[in-house]
Amino acid sequence: MTASSDPAIDKLGFDEALAELQRTVAELEAGGQPLERALALHERGAALLEHCNRLLTDADLRVRQLVAVAGKGLQAVDVKPDEAQETPESGAS
């Protein structure tokens, strides 16, 4: 099973998916489950991990795009020292 084949996982936000993954891992680490339950937990955990990784990759791409756009929008502007100190409150016009 992958995250893309489980609509319930696909609807989870990152924090929800990560919390469920942590609970799943804790249950697996505790042991004592029958084999079928352990396999089901492992499959669910793998799907949750895939989903979290996809969300992180998407977020990383969005941040990189925003940084690239912001970088292109920056322009050098010559400002004289006395102009930099003027504010509307200082009465400068």
N, C-alpha and C. Protein backbone atom coordinates (compact mmCIF):
# COMPACT_ATOMS: atom_id res chain seq x y z
N MET A 1 0.85 -1.17 0.00
CA MET A 1 0.00 0.00 0.00
C MET A 1 0.89 1.23 0.00
N THR A 2 0.54 2.22 -0.80
CA THR A 2 1.26 3.49 -0.79
C THR A 2 0.30 4.58 -0.37
N ALA A 3 0.86 5.73 -0.03
CA ALA A 3 0.01 6.83 0.40
C ALA A 3 -0.97 7.22 -0.69
N SER A 4 -0.54 7.15 -1.95
CA SER A 4 -1.42 7.57 -3.04
C SER A 4 -2.60 6.62 -3.22
N SER A 5 -2.51 5.38 -2.71
CA SER A 5 -3.63 4.45 -2.83
C SER A 5 -4.55 4.51 -1.62
N ASP A 6 -4.26 5.35 -0.65
CA ASP A 6 -5.08 5.47 0.54
C ASP A 6 -5.56 6.91 0.68
N PRO A 7 -6.79 7.19 0.25
CA PRO A 7 -7.29 8.56 0.31
C PRO A 7 -7.28 9.14 1.72
N ALA A 8 -7.43 8.30 2.73
CA ALA A 8 -7.42 8.80 4.11
C ALA A 8 -6.07 9.41 4.45
N ILE A 9 -5.00 8.79 3.99
CA ILE A 9 -3.65 9.32 4.23
C ILE A 9 -3.43 10.58 3.41
N ASP A 10 -3.89 10.56 2.17
CA ASP A 10 -3.70 11.72 1.29
C ASP A 10 -4.34 12.98 1.85
N LYS A 11 -5.37 12.83 2.67
CA LYS A 11 -6.07 13.99 3.24
C LYS A 11 -5.37 14.56 4.47
N LEU A 12 -4.42 13.81 5.03
CA LEU A 12 -3.74 14.25 6.25
C LEU A 12 -2.75 15.37 5.95
N GLY A 13 -2.71 16.34 6.84
CA GLY A 13 -1.66 17.34 6.78
C GLY A 13 -0.37 16.75 7.31
N PHE A 14 0.72 17.49 7.17
CA PHE A 14 2.02 16.96 7.59
C PHE A 14 2.03 16.62 9.08
N ASP A 15 1.59 17.54 9.92
CA ASP A 15 1.65 17.31 11.37
C ASP A 15 0.81 16.10 11.79
N GLU A 16 -0.36 15.97 11.19
CA GLU A 16 -1.21 14.82 11.51
C GLU A 16 -0.56 13.51 11.07
N ALA A 17 -0.02 13.50 9.86
CA ALA A 17 0.62 12.29 9.33
C ALA A 17 1.84 11.92 10.16
N LEU A 18 2.63 12.92 10.54
CA LEU A 18 3.82 12.65 11.34
C LEU A 18 3.44 12.09 12.71
N ALA A 19 2.42 12.66 13.33
CA ALA A 19 1.97 12.17 14.63
C ALA A 19 1.48 10.72 14.53
N GLU A 20 0.74 10.42 13.48
CA GLU A 20 0.27 9.04 13.30
C GLU A 20 1.44 8.10 13.03
N LEU A 21 2.41 8.56 12.25
CA LEU A 21 3.60 7.75 11.99
C LEU A 21 4.34 7.46 13.29
N GLN A 22 4.47 8.46 14.15
CA GLN A 22 5.15 8.27 15.43
C GLN A 22 4.40 7.26 16.31
N ARG A 23 3.08 7.34 16.32
CA ARG A 23 2.29 6.37 17.09
C ARG A 23 2.45 4.96 16.51
N THR A 24 2.48 4.86 15.20
CA THR A 24 2.64 3.57 14.54
C THR A 24 3.98 2.95 14.87
N VAL A 25 5.03 3.75 14.80
CA VAL A 25 6.38 3.26 15.12
C VAL A 25 6.44 2.83 16.59
N ALA A 26 5.86 3.62 17.47
CA ALA A 26 5.87 3.27 18.90
C ALA A 26 5.16 1.93 19.14
N GLU A 27 4.04 1.73 18.46
CA GLU A 27 3.31 0.47 18.62
C GLU A 27 4.13 -0.70 18.09
N LEU A 28 4.80 -0.50 16.96
CA LEU A 28 5.65 -1.56 16.41
C LEU A 28 6.82 -1.86 17.34
N GLU A 29 7.43 -0.81 17.88
CA GLU A 29 8.58 -1.00 18.77
C GLU A 29 8.18 -1.68 20.07
N ALA A 30 6.95 -1.47 20.51
CA ALA A 30 6.48 -2.10 21.74
C ALA A 30 6.39 -3.62 21.58
N GLY A 31 6.16 -4.05 20.35
CA GLY A 31 6.08 -5.49 20.09
C GLY A 31 4.81 -6.11 20.62
N GLY A 32 4.75 -7.43 20.52
CA GLY A 32 3.62 -8.17 21.05
C GLY A 32 2.43 -8.29 20.11
N GLN A 33 2.50 -7.68 18.92
CA GLN A 33 1.38 -7.78 18.00
C GLN A 33 1.45 -9.11 17.24
N PRO A 34 0.29 -9.62 16.86
CA PRO A 34 0.30 -10.77 15.96
C PRO A 34 0.93 -10.35 14.63
N LEU A 35 1.40 -11.30 13.89
CA LEU A 35 2.10 -11.02 12.63
C LEU A 35 1.28 -10.16 11.69
N GLU A 36 0.02 -10.47 11.52
CA GLU A 36 -0.83 -9.71 10.59
C GLU A 36 -0.95 -8.25 11.02
N ARG A 37 -1.09 -8.02 12.31
CA ARG A 37 -1.19 -6.64 12.82
C ARG A 37 0.13 -5.91 12.61
N ALA A 38 1.24 -6.58 12.87
CA ALA A 38 2.56 -5.97 12.67
C ALA A 38 2.77 -5.62 11.20
N LEU A 39 2.36 -6.50 10.30
CA LEU A 39 2.49 -6.21 8.87
C LEU A 39 1.62 -5.03 8.46
N ALA A 40 0.40 -4.99 8.98
CA ALA A 40 -0.50 -3.88 8.67
C ALA A 40 0.07 -2.56 9.18
N LEU A 41 0.63 -2.58 10.38
CA LEU A 41 1.26 -1.37 10.93
C LEU A 41 2.44 -0.94 10.09
N HIS A 42 3.24 -1.90 9.66
CA HIS A 42 4.40 -1.59 8.84
C HIS A 42 3.97 -0.97 7.52
N GLU A 43 2.96 -1.54 6.88
CA GLU A 43 2.46 -0.99 5.62
C GLU A 43 1.92 0.42 5.81
N ARG A 44 1.16 0.61 6.87
CA ARG A 44 0.60 1.94 7.15
C ARG A 44 1.74 2.94 7.42
N GLY A 45 2.71 2.51 8.20
CA GLY A 45 3.85 3.38 8.48
C GLY A 45 4.61 3.75 7.22
N ALA A 46 4.81 2.80 6.32
CA ALA A 46 5.51 3.09 5.07
C ALA A 46 4.72 4.09 4.23
N ALA A 47 3.40 3.94 4.20
CA ALA A 47 2.56 4.88 3.45
C ALA A 47 2.60 6.27 4.08
N LEU A 48 2.56 6.32 5.40
CA LEU A 48 2.64 7.61 6.09
C LEU A 48 3.99 8.29 5.85
N LEU A 49 5.06 7.51 5.88
CA LEU A 49 6.39 8.05 5.62
C LEU A 49 6.48 8.60 4.21
N GLU A 50 5.96 7.87 3.25
CA GLU A 50 5.96 8.33 1.86
C GLU A 50 5.19 9.65 1.73
N HIS A 51 4.04 9.72 2.40
CA HIS A 51 3.22 10.92 2.36
C HIS A 51 3.95 12.11 2.99
N CYS A 52 4.56 11.89 4.15
CA CYS A 52 5.33 12.96 4.81
C CYS A 52 6.48 13.43 3.93
N ASN A 53 7.19 12.50 3.33
CA ASN A 53 8.30 12.87 2.44
C ASN A 53 7.81 13.68 1.25
N ARG A 54 6.67 13.29 0.69
CA ARG A 54 6.12 14.03 -0.45
C ARG A 54 5.73 15.45 -0.03
N LEU A 55 5.11 15.58 1.14
CA LEU A 55 4.73 16.91 1.62
C LEU A 55 5.95 17.78 1.88
N LEU A 56 7.00 17.19 2.44
CA LEU A 56 8.24 17.95 2.69
C LEU A 56 8.90 18.35 1.38
N THR A 57 8.91 17.46 0.41
CA THR A 57 9.49 17.78 -0.90
C THR A 57 8.72 18.92 -1.56
N ASP A 58 7.38 18.85 -1.49
CA ASP A 58 6.55 19.92 -2.05
C ASP A 58 6.81 21.25 -1.34
N ALA A 59 6.92 21.21 -0.02
CA ALA A 59 7.17 22.44 0.74
C ALA A 59 8.54 23.01 0.39
N ASP A 60 9.54 22.15 0.25
CA ASP A 60 10.88 22.59 -0.11
C ASP A 60 10.86 23.27 -1.48
N LEU A 61 10.14 22.69 -2.42
CA LEU A 61 10.04 23.28 -3.76
C LEU A 61 9.38 24.64 -3.69
N ARG A 62 8.31 24.75 -2.92
CA ARG A 62 7.62 26.04 -2.79
C ARG A 62 8.53 27.11 -2.19
N VAL A 63 9.29 26.74 -1.16
CA VAL A 63 10.21 27.70 -0.54
C VAL A 63 11.27 28.13 -1.54
N ARG A 64 11.82 27.17 -2.29
CA ARG A 64 12.84 27.52 -3.29
C ARG A 64 12.26 28.45 -4.35
N GLN A 65 11.03 28.22 -4.77
CA GLN A 65 10.40 29.09 -5.76
C GLN A 65 10.18 30.48 -5.19
N LEU A 66 9.74 30.57 -3.95
CA LEU A 66 9.53 31.87 -3.33
C LEU A 66 10.84 32.64 -3.18
N VAL A 67 11.89 31.94 -2.79
CA VAL A 67 13.20 32.59 -2.65
C VAL A 67 13.69 33.07 -4.01
N ALA A 68 13.48 32.26 -5.05
CA ALA A 68 13.92 32.66 -6.39
C ALA A 68 13.15 33.89 -6.86
N VAL A 69 11.85 33.91 -6.63
CA VAL A 69 11.03 35.06 -7.03
C VAL A 69 11.44 36.30 -6.24
N ALA A 70 11.64 36.14 -4.95
CA ALA A 70 12.04 37.27 -4.12
C ALA A 70 13.41 37.79 -4.54
N GLY A 71 14.30 36.90 -4.90
CA GLY A 71 15.64 37.29 -5.33
C GLY A 71 15.61 38.09 -6.62
N LYS A 72 14.71 37.74 -7.51
CA LYS A 72 14.60 38.46 -8.78
C LYS A 72 13.98 39.83 -8.57
N GLY A 73 13.17 39.97 -7.54
CA GLY A 73 12.49 41.23 -7.29
C GLY A 73 13.35 42.25 -6.56
N LEU A 74 14.48 41.83 -6.04
CA LEU A 74 15.35 42.75 -5.32
C LEU A 74 16.16 43.58 -6.29
N GLN A 75 16.21 44.88 -6.06
CA GLN A 75 17.00 45.77 -6.89
C GLN A 75 17.78 46.71 -5.98
N ALA A 76 18.98 47.02 -6.43
CA ALA A 76 19.80 47.98 -5.68
C ALA A 76 19.24 49.38 -5.89
N VAL A 77 19.12 50.13 -4.82
CA VAL A 77 18.63 51.50 -4.89
C VAL A 77 19.64 52.37 -4.17
N ASP A 78 20.08 53.43 -4.83
CA ASP A 78 21.00 54.36 -4.19
C ASP A 78 20.21 55.26 -3.24
N VAL A 79 20.60 55.25 -1.99
CA VAL A 79 19.96 56.08 -0.98
C VAL A 79 21.05 56.88 -0.31
N LYS A 80 20.86 58.20 -0.28
CA LYS A 80 21.81 59.06 0.40
C LYS A 80 21.59 58.92 1.90
N PRO A 81 22.66 58.99 2.69
CA PRO A 81 22.52 58.80 4.14
C PRO A 81 21.46 59.70 4.77
N ASP A 82 21.36 60.95 4.36
CA ASP A 82 20.37 61.83 4.96
C ASP A 82 18.95 61.44 4.57
N GLU A 83 18.76 60.85 3.37
CA GLU A 83 17.43 60.39 2.96
C GLU A 83 17.01 59.16 3.75
N ALA A 84 17.95 58.33 4.10
CA ALA A 84 17.64 57.11 4.84
C ALA A 84 17.11 57.43 6.23
N GLN A 85 17.49 58.57 6.79
CA GLN A 85 17.06 58.94 8.13
C GLN A 85 15.70 59.63 8.13
N GLU A 86 15.25 60.13 6.99
CA GLU A 86 13.99 60.86 6.94
C GLU A 86 12.81 59.92 7.01
N THR A 87 11.84 60.29 7.81
CA THR A 87 10.59 59.53 7.91
C THR A 87 9.45 60.53 7.87
N PRO A 88 8.25 60.09 7.58
CA PRO A 88 7.12 61.02 7.57
C PRO A 88 6.94 61.72 8.91
N GLU A 89 7.26 61.05 10.00
CA GLU A 89 7.10 61.66 11.32
C GLU A 89 8.13 62.76 11.56
N SER A 90 9.28 62.71 10.85
CA SER A 90 10.32 63.70 11.11
C SER A 90 10.04 65.02 10.41
N GLY A 91 8.97 65.06 9.61
CA GLY A 91 8.60 66.30 8.95
C GLY A 91 9.31 66.51 7.64
N ALA A 92 10.10 65.57 7.17
CA ALA A 92 10.79 65.71 5.90
C ALA A 92 9.80 65.53 4.78
N SER A 93 9.96 66.33 3.70
CA SER A 93 9.07 66.17 2.56
C SER A 93 9.83 66.20 1.28
